[in-house]
Amino acid sequence: MPSISPLLSVDDIAKSMDYYESVLGFKKGLTLPGDDGKLTHGEAHIGELMLMFRPAQEPGNIAAAKLAQGAPKGLGVLLYIDLGEQDIDRYYGDVKKAGARFVEEIQDQFWGDRTFTIEDPDGYILTFSRHVRDVDFSQMQQPQQ
């Protein structure tokens, strides 16, 4: 089955992985240290999703070049994470208690998902969702052409 694993450019891999574990409940995965002992790669998992981390200032890093040109931190990356069957209200409470910076509080969306959105310390925006009801989109009006 195809999958996608976002690779996030971060200031400090160990610090980012600690945040994802302690605040967002991810499980730490593989880490690779460089010759200087600092991490050059890290992985964190929640359910079937794997996020990867790399140093923002690593030579040849396209994200580092964009940042040097004045691109916003987080590079406009928005991640939409489906929690599957996990209780989103309980997860929201845990994340809130752990001190996450909220962009949007938990709410039901018109398309049938319940969501909340946070910003991580590196500026990445993460929306966590769970599908809570089916919506009949066939009854919605389509824009006139």
Protein backbone atom coordinates (compact mmCIF):
# COMPACT_ATOMS: atom_id res chain seq x y z
CA MET A 1 0.00 0.00 0.00
CA PRO A 2 1.46 3.42 -0.91
CA SER A 3 2.14 5.83 1.91
CA ILE A 4 3.56 9.27 2.53
CA SER A 5 6.04 10.16 5.27
CA PRO A 6 6.60 13.91 5.61
CA LEU A 7 10.21 14.97 6.14
CA LEU A 8 10.27 18.07 8.34
CA SER A 9 13.28 20.39 8.47
CA VAL A 10 13.78 21.36 12.11
CA ASP A 11 16.27 23.34 14.21
CA ASP A 12 17.00 20.48 16.64
CA ILE A 13 15.92 16.92 15.84
CA ALA A 14 16.18 15.63 19.43
CA LYS A 15 14.15 18.58 20.75
CA SER A 16 11.49 18.13 18.04
CA MET A 17 11.23 14.40 18.72
CA ASP A 18 10.88 15.07 22.46
CA TYR A 19 8.04 17.54 21.69
CA TYR A 20 6.22 15.08 19.43
CA GLU A 21 6.54 12.38 22.09
CA SER A 22 5.73 14.36 25.25
CA VAL A 23 3.11 16.77 23.85
CA LEU A 24 1.54 14.92 20.91
CA GLY A 25 1.92 11.30 22.04
CA PHE A 26 4.02 10.09 19.11
CA LYS A 27 6.41 7.19 19.65
CA LYS A 28 10.07 7.80 18.88
CA GLY A 29 11.53 5.64 16.14
CA LEU A 30 14.85 5.38 14.39
CA THR A 31 17.50 8.04 14.97
CA LEU A 32 20.80 8.43 13.13
CA PRO A 33 23.65 10.40 14.67
CA GLY A 34 26.24 12.19 12.57
CA ASP A 35 30.00 12.10 13.08
CA ASP A 36 29.66 14.91 15.65
CA GLY A 37 27.04 12.96 17.66
CA LYS A 38 24.17 15.30 16.72
CA LEU A 39 21.19 13.66 15.10
CA THR A 40 21.02 13.82 11.31
CA HIS A 41 17.73 11.91 11.05
CA GLY A 42 14.86 11.04 13.34
CA GLU A 43 11.48 9.34 13.07
CA ALA A 44 8.29 9.58 15.13
CA HIS A 45 5.12 7.49 14.75
CA ILE A 46 1.45 7.80 15.62
CA GLY A 47 -0.71 4.98 14.35
CA GLU A 48 0.38 4.21 10.78
CA LEU A 49 1.81 7.71 10.24
CA MET A 50 5.55 8.28 10.32
CA LEU A 51 7.09 11.74 10.43
CA MET A 52 10.77 12.16 9.69
CA PHE A 53 13.01 14.99 10.85
CA ARG A 54 16.19 16.44 9.35
CA PRO A 55 18.40 19.37 10.33
CA ALA A 56 17.17 22.63 8.84
CA GLN A 57 20.71 23.88 8.30
CA GLU A 58 22.05 20.70 6.69
CA PRO A 59 24.10 21.42 3.54
CA GLY A 60 22.02 20.82 0.42
CA ASN A 61 18.72 21.11 2.32
CA ILE A 62 16.24 22.84 0.01
CA ALA A 63 14.24 24.03 3.03
CA ALA A 64 17.34 25.74 4.47
CA ALA A 65 17.85 27.59 1.20
CA LYS A 66 14.20 28.72 1.22
CA LEU A 67 14.52 29.93 4.82
CA ALA A 68 17.63 31.91 3.88
CA GLN A 69 15.55 33.58 1.16
CA GLY A 70 13.00 34.70 3.77
CA ALA A 71 10.45 31.87 3.56
CA PRO A 72 8.33 31.48 6.71
CA LYS A 73 9.32 28.95 9.35
CA GLY A 74 7.38 25.76 8.67
CA LEU A 75 7.50 26.63 4.96
CA GLY A 76 3.72 26.69 4.70
CA VAL A 77 3.47 22.95 5.34
CA LEU A 78 0.11 21.93 6.76
CA LEU A 79 -0.33 18.32 7.88
CA TYR A 80 -3.81 16.79 8.21
CA ILE A 81 -3.56 13.73 10.46
CA ASP A 82 -6.48 11.30 10.61
CA LEU A 83 -6.48 9.64 14.03
CA GLY A 84 -8.59 6.73 12.81
CA GLU A 85 -10.61 5.22 15.66
CA GLN A 86 -8.70 7.05 18.41
CA ASP A 87 -10.90 9.16 20.71
CA ILE A 88 -10.17 12.66 19.41
CA ASP A 89 -11.70 14.43 22.42
CA ARG A 90 -9.47 12.51 24.82
CA TYR A 91 -6.44 13.10 22.57
CA TYR A 92 -7.29 16.82 22.37
CA GLY A 93 -7.45 17.00 26.17
CA ASP A 94 -4.09 15.24 26.51
CA VAL A 95 -2.45 17.54 23.96
CA LYS A 96 -3.95 20.63 25.59
CA LYS A 97 -2.78 19.53 29.06
CA ALA A 98 0.72 18.90 27.66
CA GLY A 99 0.94 22.54 26.53
CA ALA A 100 0.52 22.52 22.75
CA ARG A 101 0.07 25.89 21.02
CA PHE A 102 -3.43 25.80 19.53
CA VAL A 103 -4.30 27.48 16.25
CA GLU A 104 -7.90 26.17 16.27
CA GLU A 105 -9.74 24.55 19.15
CA ILE A 106 -11.63 21.30 18.65
CA GLN A 107 -14.76 21.56 16.51
CA ASP A 108 -17.00 19.60 14.17
CA GLN A 109 -16.50 20.42 10.49
CA PHE A 110 -19.21 20.53 7.80
CA TRP A 111 -17.53 17.68 5.89
CA GLY A 112 -18.03 15.27 8.82
CA ASP A 113 -14.67 15.42 10.62
CA ARG A 114 -13.98 16.62 14.15
CA THR A 115 -10.69 18.54 14.17
CA PHE A 116 -8.26 20.70 16.09
CA THR A 117 -5.09 22.42 14.90
CA ILE A 118 -1.77 23.12 16.61
CA GLU A 119 1.52 24.76 15.64
CA ASP A 120 4.68 22.91 16.61
CA PRO A 121 7.85 24.67 17.84
CA ASP A 122 9.32 24.70 14.31
CA GLY A 123 6.26 26.42 12.83
CA TYR A 124 4.60 23.39 11.23
CA ILE A 125 0.80 23.38 11.37
CA LEU A 126 -0.84 20.07 12.26
CA THR A 127 -4.57 19.41 12.09
CA PHE A 128 -5.71 16.27 13.90
CA SER A 129 -9.00 14.78 12.78
CA ARG A 130 -11.44 11.96 13.25
CA HIS A 131 -14.37 11.25 10.98
CA VAL A 132 -17.52 11.49 13.11
CA ARG A 133 -20.40 11.57 10.64
CA ASP A 134 -21.13 10.93 6.99
CA VAL A 135 -22.25 13.84 4.84
CA ASP A 136 -24.28 13.60 1.63
CA PHE A 137 -22.29 15.89 -0.65
CA SER A 138 -24.58 15.16 -3.60
CA GLN A 139 -27.09 17.63 -2.12
CA MET A 140 -24.58 20.50 -2.02
CA GLN A 141 -24.75 23.16 -4.70
CA GLN A 142 -21.96 23.24 -7.23
CA PRO A 143 -20.54 26.59 -8.34
CA GLN A 144 -22.01 27.93 -11.60
CA GLN A 145 -19.61 28.02 -14.54
